[in-house]
Amino acid sequence: MVVIVFRTRLKAGIDEEALTTLGERMYAIASAMPGFISYKDFAAADGENVSIVEFDSAESLAAWRDHPEHQDVQERGRRDFFTDYQVQVCAPLRSYRFDAGGRRPLD
């Protein structure tokens, strides 16, 4: 599995409706791709936004990275929406969870 951490800051006065529409379209494409696992979005009080995306392999992530519509939206993001961003591609060293519902934790 690979985990992508996408950290962004938005320009002042952006068209938030347009950004939301693009984000929904990107989610529709990514979530239909082989190897997609999950996507979550968070906003911090200091104005930073963080998206966490999981794919099952580096190859499936590369297919998403290279998708032509995704590449076009990346360019539009740099031009119209973001003051800056950072992408981190990570491989989990360990994964476990607690579930108060009584199911066995994952190792």
PDB file of N, CA and C in Angstrom:
ATOM      1  N   MET A   1       0.840  -1.177   0.000  1.00  0.00           N
ATOM      2  CA  MET A   1       0.000   0.000   0.000  1.00  0.00           C
ATOM      3  C   MET A   1       0.888   1.244   0.000  1.00  0.00           C
ATOM      4  N   VAL A   2       0.405   2.298  -0.649  1.00  0.00           N
ATOM      5  CA  VAL A   2       1.049   3.601  -0.583  1.00  0.00           C
ATOM      6  C   VAL A   2       0.027   4.611  -0.080  1.00  0.00           C
ATOM      7  N   VAL A   3       0.524   5.542   0.704  1.00  0.00           N
ATOM      8  CA  VAL A   3      -0.307   6.600   1.285  1.00  0.00           C
ATOM      9  C   VAL A   3       0.226   7.925   0.767  1.00  0.00           C
ATOM     10  N   ILE A   4      -0.669   8.727   0.230  1.00  0.00           N
ATOM     11  CA  ILE A   4      -0.296  10.028  -0.289  1.00  0.00           C
ATOM     12  C   ILE A   4      -0.846  11.088   0.651  1.00  0.00           C
ATOM     13  N   VAL A   5       0.010  11.973   1.115  1.00  0.00           N
ATOM     14  CA  VAL A   5      -0.406  13.095   1.945  1.00  0.00           C
ATOM     15  C   VAL A   5      -0.250  14.343   1.079  1.00  0.00           C
ATOM     16  N   PHE A   6      -1.380  14.996   0.794  1.00  0.00           N
ATOM     17  CA  PHE A   6      -1.411  16.164  -0.091  1.00  0.00           C
ATOM     18  C   PHE A   6      -1.799  17.362   0.759  1.00  0.00           C
ATOM     19  N   ARG A   7      -0.824  18.246   0.998  1.00  0.00           N
ATOM     20  CA  ARG A   7      -1.018  19.419   1.853  1.00  0.00           C
ATOM     21  C   ARG A   7      -1.093  20.655   0.976  1.00  0.00           C
ATOM     22  N   THR A   8      -2.130  21.479   1.187  1.00  0.00           N
ATOM     23  CA  THR A   8      -2.325  22.659   0.344  1.00  0.00           C
ATOM     24  C   THR A   8      -2.698  23.879   1.164  1.00  0.00           C
ATOM     25  N   ARG A   9      -2.445  25.020   0.559  1.00  0.00           N
ATOM     26  CA  ARG A   9      -2.965  26.301   1.050  1.00  0.00           C
ATOM     27  C   ARG A   9      -3.605  26.980  -0.154  1.00  0.00           C
ATOM     28  N   LEU A  10      -4.774  27.571   0.088  1.00  0.00           N
ATOM     29  CA  LEU A  10      -5.551  28.166  -0.991  1.00  0.00           C
ATOM     30  C   LEU A  10      -5.263  29.646  -1.151  1.00  0.00           C
ATOM     31  N   LYS A  11      -5.331  30.096  -2.391  1.00  0.00           N
ATOM     32  CA  LYS A  11      -5.235  31.525  -2.675  1.00  0.00           C
ATOM     33  C   LYS A  11      -6.476  32.224  -2.127  1.00  0.00           C
ATOM     34  N   ALA A  12      -6.331  33.495  -1.783  1.00  0.00           N
ATOM     35  CA  ALA A  12      -7.480  34.291  -1.342  1.00  0.00           C
ATOM     36  C   ALA A  12      -8.412  34.518  -2.531  1.00  0.00           C
ATOM     37  N   GLY A  13      -9.705  34.484  -2.269  1.00  0.00           N
ATOM     38  CA  GLY A  13     -10.697  34.833  -3.274  1.00  0.00           C
ATOM     39  C   GLY A  13     -10.902  33.821  -4.380  1.00  0.00           C
ATOM     40  N   ILE A  14     -10.553  32.572  -4.146  1.00  0.00           N
ATOM     41  CA  ILE A  14     -10.736  31.564  -5.193  1.00  0.00           C
ATOM     42  C   ILE A  14     -12.223  31.282  -5.407  1.00  0.00           C
ATOM     43  N   ASP A  15     -12.530  30.667  -6.529  1.00  0.00           N
ATOM     44  CA  ASP A  15     -13.881  30.215  -6.835  1.00  0.00           C
ATOM     45  C   ASP A  15     -14.069  28.861  -6.150  1.00  0.00           C
ATOM     46  N   GLU A  16     -14.616  28.887  -4.926  1.00  0.00           N
ATOM     47  CA  GLU A  16     -14.742  27.660  -4.135  1.00  0.00           C
ATOM     48  C   GLU A  16     -15.680  26.651  -4.780  1.00  0.00           C
ATOM     49  N   GLU A  17     -16.700  27.132  -5.465  1.00  0.00           N
ATOM     50  CA  GLU A  17     -17.621  26.218  -6.152  1.00  0.00           C
ATOM     51  C   GLU A  17     -16.886  25.458  -7.262  1.00  0.00           C
ATOM     52  N   ALA A  18     -16.058  26.163  -8.011  1.00  0.00           N
ATOM     53  CA  ALA A  18     -15.280  25.514  -9.074  1.00  0.00           C
ATOM     54  C   ALA A  18     -14.313  24.493  -8.485  1.00  0.00           C
ATOM     55  N   LEU A  19     -13.666  24.832  -7.376  1.00  0.00           N
ATOM     56  CA  LEU A  19     -12.745  23.902  -6.724  1.00  0.00           C
ATOM     57  C   LEU A  19     -13.488  22.664  -6.237  1.00  0.00           C
ATOM     58  N   THR A  20     -14.654  22.846  -5.650  1.00  0.00           N
ATOM     59  CA  THR A  20     -15.453  21.715  -5.181  1.00  0.00           C
ATOM     60  C   THR A  20     -15.857  20.819  -6.344  1.00  0.00           C
ATOM     61  N   THR A  21     -16.291  21.415  -7.432  1.00  0.00           N
ATOM     62  CA  THR A  21     -16.684  20.645  -8.616  1.00  0.00           C
ATOM     63  C   THR A  21     -15.512  19.830  -9.152  1.00  0.00           C
ATOM     64  N   LEU A  22     -14.333  20.451  -9.240  1.00  0.00           N
ATOM     65  CA  LEU A  22     -13.143  19.730  -9.701  1.00  0.00           C
ATOM     66  C   LEU A  22     -12.768  18.605  -8.737  1.00  0.00           C
ATOM     67  N   GLY A  23     -12.850  18.887  -7.448  1.00  0.00           N
ATOM     68  CA  GLY A  23     -12.536  17.867  -6.454  1.00  0.00           C
ATOM     69  C   GLY A  23     -13.467  16.671  -6.554  1.00  0.00           C
ATOM     70  N   GLU A  24     -14.744  16.919  -6.760  1.00  0.00           N
ATOM     71  CA  GLU A  24     -15.706  15.829  -6.915  1.00  0.00           C
ATOM     72  C   GLU A  24     -15.409  15.008  -8.166  1.00  0.00           C
ATOM     73  N   ARG A  25     -15.033  15.685  -9.242  1.00  0.00           N
ATOM     74  CA  ARG A  25     -14.695  14.981 -10.481  1.00  0.00           C
ATOM     75  C   ARG A  25     -13.433  14.135 -10.294  1.00  0.00           C
ATOM     76  N   MET A  26     -12.434  14.685  -9.616  1.00  0.00           N
ATOM     77  CA  MET A  26     -11.209  13.933  -9.393  1.00  0.00           C
ATOM     78  C   MET A  26     -11.477  12.708  -8.518  1.00  0.00           C
ATOM     79  N   TYR A  27     -12.331  12.873  -7.504  1.00  0.00           N
ATOM     80  CA  TYR A  27     -12.678  11.730  -6.656  1.00  0.00           C
ATOM     81  C   TYR A  27     -13.387  10.650  -7.472  1.00  0.00           C
ATOM     82  N   ALA A  28     -14.301  11.053  -8.343  1.00  0.00           N
ATOM     83  CA  ALA A  28     -15.031  10.085  -9.166  1.00  0.00           C
ATOM     84  C   ALA A  28     -14.070   9.275 -10.034  1.00  0.00           C
ATOM     85  N   ILE A  29     -13.099   9.949 -10.625  1.00  0.00           N
ATOM     86  CA  ILE A  29     -12.130   9.244 -11.472  1.00  0.00           C
ATOM     87  C   ILE A  29     -11.225   8.347 -10.620  1.00  0.00           C
ATOM     88  N   ALA A  30     -10.634   8.915  -9.581  1.00  0.00           N
ATOM     89  CA  ALA A  30      -9.677   8.160  -8.761  1.00  0.00           C
ATOM     90  C   ALA A  30     -10.328   6.943  -8.114  1.00  0.00           C
ATOM     91  N   SER A  31     -11.521   7.124  -7.570  1.00  0.00           N
ATOM     92  CA  SER A  31     -12.167   6.020  -6.849  1.00  0.00           C
ATOM     93  C   SER A  31     -12.601   4.890  -7.778  1.00  0.00           C
ATOM     94  N   ALA A  32     -12.695   5.158  -9.077  1.00  0.00           N
ATOM     95  CA  ALA A  32     -13.045   4.121 -10.053  1.00  0.00           C
ATOM     96  C   ALA A  32     -11.813   3.405 -10.603  1.00  0.00           C
ATOM     97  N   MET A  33     -10.633   3.897 -10.267  1.00  0.00           N
ATOM     98  CA  MET A  33      -9.407   3.304 -10.802  1.00  0.00           C
ATOM     99  C   MET A  33      -9.027   2.045 -10.026  1.00  0.00           C
ATOM    100  N   PRO A  34      -8.487   1.049 -10.736  1.00  0.00           N
ATOM    101  CA  PRO A  34      -7.992  -0.138 -10.032  1.00  0.00           C
ATOM    102  C   PRO A  34      -6.930   0.258  -9.011  1.00  0.00           C
ATOM    103  N   GLY A  35      -7.019  -0.323  -7.824  1.00  0.00           N
ATOM    104  CA  GLY A  35      -6.031  -0.067  -6.786  1.00  0.00           C
ATOM    105  C   GLY A  35      -6.376   1.045  -5.819  1.00  0.00           C
ATOM    106  N   PHE A  36      -7.412   1.835  -6.117  1.00  0.00           N
ATOM    107  CA  PHE A  36      -7.816   2.904  -5.192  1.00  0.00           C
ATOM    108  C   PHE A  36      -8.363   2.269  -3.924  1.00  0.00           C
ATOM    109  N   ILE A  37      -7.964   2.805  -2.769  1.00  0.00           N
ATOM    110  CA  ILE A  37      -8.467   2.299  -1.483  1.00  0.00           C
ATOM    111  C   ILE A  37      -9.335   3.334  -0.786  1.00  0.00           C
ATOM    112  N   SER A  38      -8.801   4.558  -0.581  1.00  0.00           N
ATOM    113  CA  SER A  38      -9.575   5.536   0.185  1.00  0.00           C
ATOM    114  C   SER A  38      -9.089   6.950  -0.052  1.00  0.00           C
ATOM    115  N   TYR A  39      -9.932   7.885   0.369  1.00  0.00           N
ATOM    116  CA  TYR A  39      -9.626   9.314   0.289  1.00  0.00           C
ATOM    117  C   TYR A  39     -10.317  10.009   1.452  1.00  0.00           C
ATOM    118  N   LYS A  40      -9.598  10.887   2.140  1.00  0.00           N
ATOM    119  CA  LYS A  40     -10.168  11.726   3.201  1.00  0.00           C
ATOM    120  C   LYS A  40      -9.546  13.101   3.114  1.00  0.00           C
ATOM    121  N   ASP A  41     -10.323  14.088   3.518  1.00  0.00           N
ATOM    122  CA  ASP A  41      -9.933  15.486   3.424  1.00  0.00           C
ATOM    123  C   ASP A  41     -10.094  16.135   4.798  1.00  0.00           C
ATOM    124  N   PHE A  42      -9.138  16.979   5.187  1.00  0.00           N
ATOM    125  CA  PHE A  42      -9.182  17.663   6.476  1.00  0.00           C
ATOM    126  C   PHE A  42      -8.750  19.113   6.298  1.00  0.00           C
ATOM    127  N   ALA A  43      -9.282  19.983   7.146  1.00  0.00           N
ATOM    128  CA  ALA A  43      -8.882  21.396   7.141  1.00  0.00           C
ATOM    129  C   ALA A  43      -8.409  21.763   8.537  1.00  0.00           C
ATOM    130  N   ALA A  44      -7.245  22.396   8.622  1.00  0.00           N
ATOM    131  CA  ALA A  44      -6.679  22.831   9.893  1.00  0.00           C
ATOM    132  C   ALA A  44      -7.063  24.280  10.171  1.00  0.00           C
ATOM    133  N   ALA A  45      -7.036  24.637  11.430  1.00  0.00           N
ATOM    134  CA  ALA A  45      -7.389  25.997  11.830  1.00  0.00           C
ATOM    135  C   ALA A  45      -6.458  27.046  11.235  1.00  0.00           C
ATOM    136  N   ASP A  46      -5.227  26.651  10.904  1.00  0.00           N
ATOM    137  CA  ASP A  46      -4.265  27.620  10.354  1.00  0.00           C
ATOM    138  C   ASP A  46      -4.397  27.812   8.843  1.00  0.00           C
ATOM    139  N   GLY A  47      -5.421  27.199   8.230  1.00  0.00           N
ATOM    140  CA  GLY A  47      -5.655  27.377   6.806  1.00  0.00           C
ATOM    141  C   GLY A  47      -5.072  26.297   5.911  1.00  0.00           C
ATOM    142  N   GLU A  48      -4.343  25.373   6.491  1.00  0.00           N
ATOM    143  CA  GLU A  48      -3.811  24.277   5.686  1.00  0.00           C
ATOM    144  C   GLU A  48      -4.891  23.214   5.491  1.00  0.00           C
ATOM    145  N   ASN A  49      -4.947  22.662   4.286  1.00  0.00           N
ATOM    146  CA  ASN A  49      -5.836  21.542   3.969  1.00  0.00           C
ATOM    147  C   ASN A  49      -4.972  20.315   3.731  1.00  0.00           C
ATOM    148  N   VAL A  50      -5.440  19.169   4.203  1.00  0.00           N
ATOM    149  CA  VAL A  50      -4.695  17.926   4.044  1.00  0.00           C
ATOM    150  C   VAL A  50      -5.635  16.865   3.487  1.00  0.00           C
ATOM    151  N   SER A  51      -5.195  16.236   2.415  1.00  0.00           N
ATOM    152  CA  SER A  51      -5.912  15.090   1.858  1.00  0.00           C
ATOM    153  C   SER A  51      -5.025  13.868   2.034  1.00  0.00           C
ATOM    154  N   ILE A  52      -5.636  12.763   2.435  1.00  0.00           N
ATOM    155  CA  ILE A  52      -4.929  11.501   2.577  1.00  0.00           C
ATOM    156  C   ILE A  52      -5.571  10.517   1.610  1.00  0.00           C
ATOM    157  N   VAL A  53      -4.749   9.984   0.717  1.00  0.00           N
ATOM    158  CA  VAL A  53      -5.236   9.072  -0.316  1.00  0.00           C
ATOM    159  C   VAL A  53      -4.435   7.781  -0.209  1.00  0.00           C
ATOM    160  N   GLU A  54      -5.117   6.652  -0.364  1.00  0.00           N
ATOM    161  CA  GLU A  54      -4.446   5.358  -0.316  1.00  0.00           C
ATOM    162  C   GLU A  54      -4.693   4.596  -1.620  1.00  0.00           C
ATOM    163  N   PHE A  55      -3.614   4.039  -2.157  1.00  0.00           N
ATOM    164  CA  PHE A  55      -3.682   3.126  -3.294  1.00  0.00           C
ATOM    165  C   PHE A  55      -2.992   1.833  -2.891  1.00  0.00           C
ATOM    166  N   ASP A  56      -3.328   0.748  -3.570  1.00  0.00           N
ATOM    167  CA  ASP A  56      -2.763  -0.537  -3.166  1.00  0.00           C
ATOM    168  C   ASP A  56      -1.327  -0.755  -3.609  1.00  0.00           C
ATOM    169  N   SER A  57      -0.830   0.072  -4.548  1.00  0.00           N
ATOM    170  CA  SER A  57       0.542  -0.128  -5.027  1.00  0.00           C
ATOM    171  C   SER A  57       1.069   1.158  -5.654  1.00  0.00           C
ATOM    172  N   ALA A  58       2.381   1.205  -5.811  1.00  0.00           N
ATOM    173  CA  ALA A  58       2.998   2.345  -6.494  1.00  0.00           C
ATOM    174  C   ALA A  58       2.551   2.412  -7.947  1.00  0.00           C
ATOM    175  N   GLU A  59       2.310   1.256  -8.556  1.00  0.00           N
ATOM    176  CA  GLU A  59       1.862   1.219  -9.951  1.00  0.00           C
ATOM    177  C   GLU A  59       0.463   1.812 -10.109  1.00  0.00           C
ATOM    178  N   SER A  60      -0.449   1.504  -9.201  1.00  0.00           N
ATOM    179  CA  SER A  60      -1.800   2.076  -9.302  1.00  0.00           C
ATOM    180  C   SER A  60      -1.764   3.575  -9.015  1.00  0.00           C
ATOM    181  N   LEU A  61      -0.902   4.008  -8.113  1.00  0.00           N
ATOM    182  CA  LEU A  61      -0.731   5.435  -7.875  1.00  0.00           C
ATOM    183  C   LEU A  61      -0.176   6.130  -9.125  1.00  0.00           C
ATOM    184  N   ALA A  62       0.785   5.507  -9.782  1.00  0.00           N
ATOM    185  CA  ALA A  62       1.361   6.093 -10.995  1.00  0.00           C
ATOM    186  C   ALA A  62       0.302   6.245 -12.087  1.00  0.00           C
ATOM    187  N   ALA A  63      -0.606   5.282 -12.189  1.00  0.00           N
ATOM    188  CA  ALA A  63      -1.685   5.392 -13.174  1.00  0.00           C
ATOM    189  C   ALA A  63      -2.566   6.594 -12.859  1.00  0.00           C
ATOM    190  N   TRP A  64      -2.838   6.830 -11.580  1.00  0.00           N
ATOM    191  CA  TRP A  64      -3.616   8.008 -11.180  1.00  0.00           C
ATOM    192  C   TRP A  64      -2.829   9.291 -11.459  1.00  0.00           C
ATOM    193  N   ARG A  65      -1.577   9.306 -11.073  1.00  0.00           N
ATOM    194  CA  ARG A  65      -0.727  10.482 -11.297  1.00  0.00           C
ATOM    195  C   ARG A  65      -0.687  10.868 -12.773  1.00  0.00           C
ATOM    196  N   ASP A  66      -0.634   9.876 -13.643  1.00  0.00           N
ATOM    197  CA  ASP A  66      -0.478  10.106 -15.073  1.00  0.00           C
ATOM    198  C   ASP A  66      -1.796  10.231 -15.831  1.00  0.00           C
ATOM    199  N   HIS A  67      -2.914  10.110 -15.140  1.00  0.00           N
ATOM    200  CA  HIS A  67      -4.217  10.228 -15.816  1.00  0.00           C
ATOM    201  C   HIS A  67      -4.321  11.617 -16.457  1.00  0.00           C
ATOM    202  N   PRO A  68      -4.655  11.710 -17.747  1.00  0.00           N
ATOM    203  CA  PRO A  68      -4.636  13.003 -18.437  1.00  0.00           C
ATOM    204  C   PRO A  68      -5.530  14.073 -17.796  1.00  0.00           C
ATOM    205  N   GLU A  69      -6.716  13.706 -17.369  1.00  0.00           N
ATOM    206  CA  GLU A  69      -7.594  14.710 -16.754  1.00  0.00           C
ATOM    207  C   GLU A  69      -7.037  15.166 -15.406  1.00  0.00           C
ATOM    208  N   HIS A  70      -6.432  14.250 -14.665  1.00  0.00           N
ATOM    209  CA  HIS A  70      -5.809  14.606 -13.399  1.00  0.00           C
ATOM    210  C   HIS A  70      -4.636  15.563 -13.632  1.00  0.00           C
ATOM    211  N   GLN A  71      -3.845  15.319 -14.671  1.00  0.00           N
ATOM    212  CA  GLN A  71      -2.728  16.209 -14.974  1.00  0.00           C
ATOM    213  C   GLN A  71      -3.222  17.614 -15.338  1.00  0.00           C
ATOM    214  N   ASP A  72      -4.324  17.692 -16.096  1.00  0.00           N
ATOM    215  CA  ASP A  72      -4.899  19.002 -16.432  1.00  0.00           C
ATOM    216  C   ASP A  72      -5.362  19.743 -15.182  1.00  0.00           C
ATOM    217  N   VAL A  73      -5.987  19.020 -14.259  1.00  0.00           N
ATOM    218  CA  VAL A  73      -6.478  19.652 -13.027  1.00  0.00           C
ATOM    219  C   VAL A  73      -5.324  20.050 -12.123  1.00  0.00           C
ATOM    220  N   GLN A  74      -4.246  19.290 -12.131  1.00  0.00           N
ATOM    221  CA  GLN A  74      -3.063  19.694 -11.368  1.00  0.00           C
ATOM    222  C   GLN A  74      -2.570  21.064 -11.840  1.00  0.00           C
ATOM    223  N   GLU A  75      -2.489  21.236 -13.142  1.00  0.00           N
ATOM    224  CA  GLU A  75      -2.046  22.518 -13.699  1.00  0.00           C
ATOM    225  C   GLU A  75      -3.016  23.633 -13.311  1.00  0.00           C
ATOM    226  N   ARG A  76      -4.300  23.355 -13.382  1.00  0.00           N
ATOM    227  CA  ARG A  76      -5.285  24.369 -12.998  1.00  0.00           C
ATOM    228  C   ARG A  76      -5.175  24.698 -11.513  1.00  0.00           C
ATOM    229  N   GLY A  77      -4.895  23.709 -10.692  1.00  0.00           N
ATOM    230  CA  GLY A  77      -4.708  23.952  -9.266  1.00  0.00           C
ATOM    231  C   GLY A  77      -3.557  24.904  -9.005  1.00  0.00           C
ATOM    232  N   ARG A  78      -2.441  24.682  -9.693  1.00  0.00           N
ATOM    233  CA  ARG A  78      -1.285  25.575  -9.529  1.00  0.00           C
ATOM    234  C   ARG A  78      -1.621  26.991  -9.999  1.00  0.00           C
ATOM    235  N   ARG A  79      -2.358  27.085 -11.076  1.00  0.00           N
ATOM    236  CA  ARG A  79      -2.674  28.387 -11.664  1.00  0.00           C
ATOM    237  C   ARG A  79      -3.764  29.137 -10.887  1.00  0.00           C
ATOM    238  N   ASP A  80      -4.842  28.425 -10.497  1.00  0.00           N
ATOM    239  CA  ASP A  80      -6.045  29.104 -10.008  1.00  0.00           C
ATOM    240  C   ASP A  80      -6.325  28.976  -8.511  1.00  0.00           C
ATOM    241  N   PHE A  81      -5.829  27.936  -7.852  1.00  0.00           N
ATOM    242  CA  PHE A  81      -6.320  27.652  -6.511  1.00  0.00           C
ATOM    243  C   PHE A  81      -5.288  27.672  -5.384  1.00  0.00           C
ATOM    244  N   PHE A  82      -4.076  27.189  -5.628  1.00  0.00           N
ATOM    245  CA  PHE A  82      -3.124  26.968  -4.544  1.00  0.00           C
ATOM    246  C   PHE A  82      -2.026  28.024  -4.504  1.00  0.00           C
ATOM    247  N   THR A  83      -1.718  28.496  -3.288  1.00  0.00           N
ATOM    248  CA  THR A  83      -0.515  29.307  -3.120  1.00  0.00           C
ATOM    249  C   THR A  83       0.698  28.398  -3.034  1.00  0.00           C
ATOM    250  N   ASP A  84       0.497  27.219  -2.464  1.00  0.00           N
ATOM    251  CA  ASP A  84       1.552  26.214  -2.384  1.00  0.00           C
ATOM    252  C   ASP A  84       0.931  24.870  -2.051  1.00  0.00           C
ATOM    253  N   TYR A  85       1.693  23.816  -2.331  1.00  0.00           N
ATOM    254  CA  TYR A  85       1.270  22.481  -1.920  1.00  0.00           C
ATOM    255  C   TYR A  85       2.484  21.589  -1.760  1.00  0.00           C
ATOM    256  N   GLN A  86       2.277  20.491  -1.070  1.00  0.00           N
ATOM    257  CA  GLN A  86       3.323  19.491  -0.871  1.00  0.00           C
ATOM    258  C   GLN A  86       2.678  18.123  -1.017  1.00  0.00           C
ATOM    259  N   VAL A  87       3.339  17.229  -1.748  1.00  0.00           N
ATOM    260  CA  VAL A  87       2.878  15.857  -1.902  1.00  0.00           C
ATOM    261  C   VAL A  87       3.916  14.939  -1.276  1.00  0.00           C
ATOM    262  N   GLN A  88       3.482  14.093  -0.380  1.00  0.00           N
ATOM    263  CA  GLN A  88       4.360  13.098   0.231  1.00  0.00           C
ATOM    264  C   GLN A  88       3.795  11.722  -0.093  1.00  0.00           C
ATOM    265  N   VAL A  89       4.610  10.850  -0.651  1.00  0.00           N
ATOM    266  CA  VAL A  89       4.215   9.484  -0.956  1.00  0.00           C
ATOM    267  C   VAL A  89       4.913   8.592   0.053  1.00  0.00           C
ATOM    268  N   CYS A  90       4.125   7.848   0.798  1.00  0.00           N
ATOM    269  CA  CYS A  90       4.644   7.097   1.945  1.00  0.00           C
ATOM    270  C   CYS A  90       4.232   5.627   1.854  1.00  0.00           C
ATOM    271  N   ALA A  91       5.056   4.777   2.434  1.00  0.00           N
ATOM    272  CA  ALA A  91       4.730   3.371   2.584  1.00  0.00           C
ATOM    273  C   ALA A  91       4.642   3.084   4.079  1.00  0.00           C
ATOM    274  N   PRO A  92       3.512   2.557   4.551  1.00  0.00           N
ATOM    275  CA  PRO A  92       3.379   2.283   5.990  1.00  0.00           C
ATOM    276  C   PRO A  92       4.436   1.291   6.476  1.00  0.00           C
ATOM    277  N   LEU A  93       5.024   1.604   7.606  1.00  0.00           N
ATOM    278  CA  LEU A  93       5.967   0.686   8.238  1.00  0.00           C
ATOM    279  C   LEU A  93       5.232  -0.347   9.076  1.00  0.00           C
ATOM    280  N   ARG A  94       4.088   0.067   9.608  1.00  0.00           N
ATOM    281  CA  ARG A  94       3.282  -0.802  10.463  1.00  0.00           C
ATOM    282  C   ARG A  94       1.868  -0.242  10.415  1.00  0.00           C
ATOM    283  N   SER A  95       0.882  -1.116  10.587  1.00  0.00           N
ATOM    284  CA  SER A  95      -0.501  -0.671  10.597  1.00  0.00           C
ATOM    285  C   SER A  95      -1.269  -1.483  11.630  1.00  0.00           C
ATOM    286  N   TYR A  96      -1.964  -0.785  12.497  1.00  0.00           N
ATOM    287  CA  TYR A  96      -2.813  -1.464  13.473  1.00  0.00           C
ATOM    288  C   TYR A  96      -3.913  -0.514  13.875  1.00  0.00           C
ATOM    289  N   ARG A  97      -4.948  -1.040  14.501  1.00  0.00           N
ATOM    290  CA  ARG A  97      -6.049  -0.195  14.953  1.00  0.00           C
ATOM    291  C   ARG A  97      -6.681  -0.789  16.192  1.00  0.00           C
ATOM    292  N   PHE A  98      -7.416   0.014  16.898  1.00  0.00           N
ATOM    293  CA  PHE A  98      -8.221  -0.390  18.029  1.00  0.00           C
ATOM    294  C   PHE A  98      -9.668  -0.244  17.617  1.00  0.00           C
ATOM    295  N   ASP A  99     -10.488  -1.192  18.005  1.00  0.00           N
ATOM    296  CA  ASP A  99     -11.921  -1.140  17.716  1.00  0.00           C
ATOM    297  C   ASP A  99     -12.671  -1.485  18.990  1.00  0.00           C
ATOM    298  N   ALA A 100     -13.331  -0.501  19.599  1.00  0.00           N
ATOM    299  CA  ALA A 100     -14.063  -0.709  20.846  1.00  0.00           C
ATOM    300  C   ALA A 100     -15.242  -1.657  20.663  1.00  0.00           C
ATOM    301  N   GLY A 101     -15.629  -1.940  19.414  1.00  0.00           N
ATOM    302  CA  GLY A 101     -16.727  -2.853  19.134  1.00  0.00           C
ATOM    303  C   GLY A 101     -16.363  -4.309  19.345  1.00  0.00           C
ATOM    304  N   GLY A 102     -15.135  -4.602  19.707  1.00  0.00           N
ATOM    305  CA  GLY A 102     -14.738  -5.960  20.046  1.00  0.00           C
ATOM    306  C   GLY A 102     -14.123  -6.759  18.922  1.00  0.00           C
ATOM    307  N   ARG A 103     -14.014  -6.187  17.753  1.00  0.00           N
ATOM    308  CA  ARG A 103     -13.356  -6.945  16.676  1.00  0.00           C
ATOM    309  C   ARG A 103     -11.848  -6.980  16.958  1.00  0.00           C
ATOM    310  N   ARG A 104     -11.216  -7.983  16.448  1.00  0.00           N
ATOM    311  CA  ARG A 104      -9.777  -8.163  16.642  1.00  0.00           C
ATOM    312  C   ARG A 104      -8.992  -7.046  15.951  1.00  0.00           C
ATOM    313  N   PRO A 105      -8.055  -6.406  16.646  1.00  0.00           N
ATOM    314  CA  PRO A 105      -7.215  -5.375  16.009  1.00  0.00           C
ATOM    315  C   PRO A 105      -6.423  -5.947  14.844  1.00  0.00           C
ATOM    316  N   LEU A 106      -6.141  -5.116  13.857  1.00  0.00           N
ATOM    317  CA  LEU A 106      -5.289  -5.522  12.737  1.00  0.00           C
ATOM    318  C   LEU A 106      -3.843  -5.457  13.147  1.00  0.00           C
ATOM    319  N   ASP A 107      -3.044  -6.368  12.667  1.00  0.00           N
ATOM    320  CA  ASP A 107      -1.601  -6.349  12.918  1.00  0.00           C
ATOM    321  C   ASP A 107      -0.906  -5.622  11.810  1.00  0.00           C
TER     322      ASP A 107
END
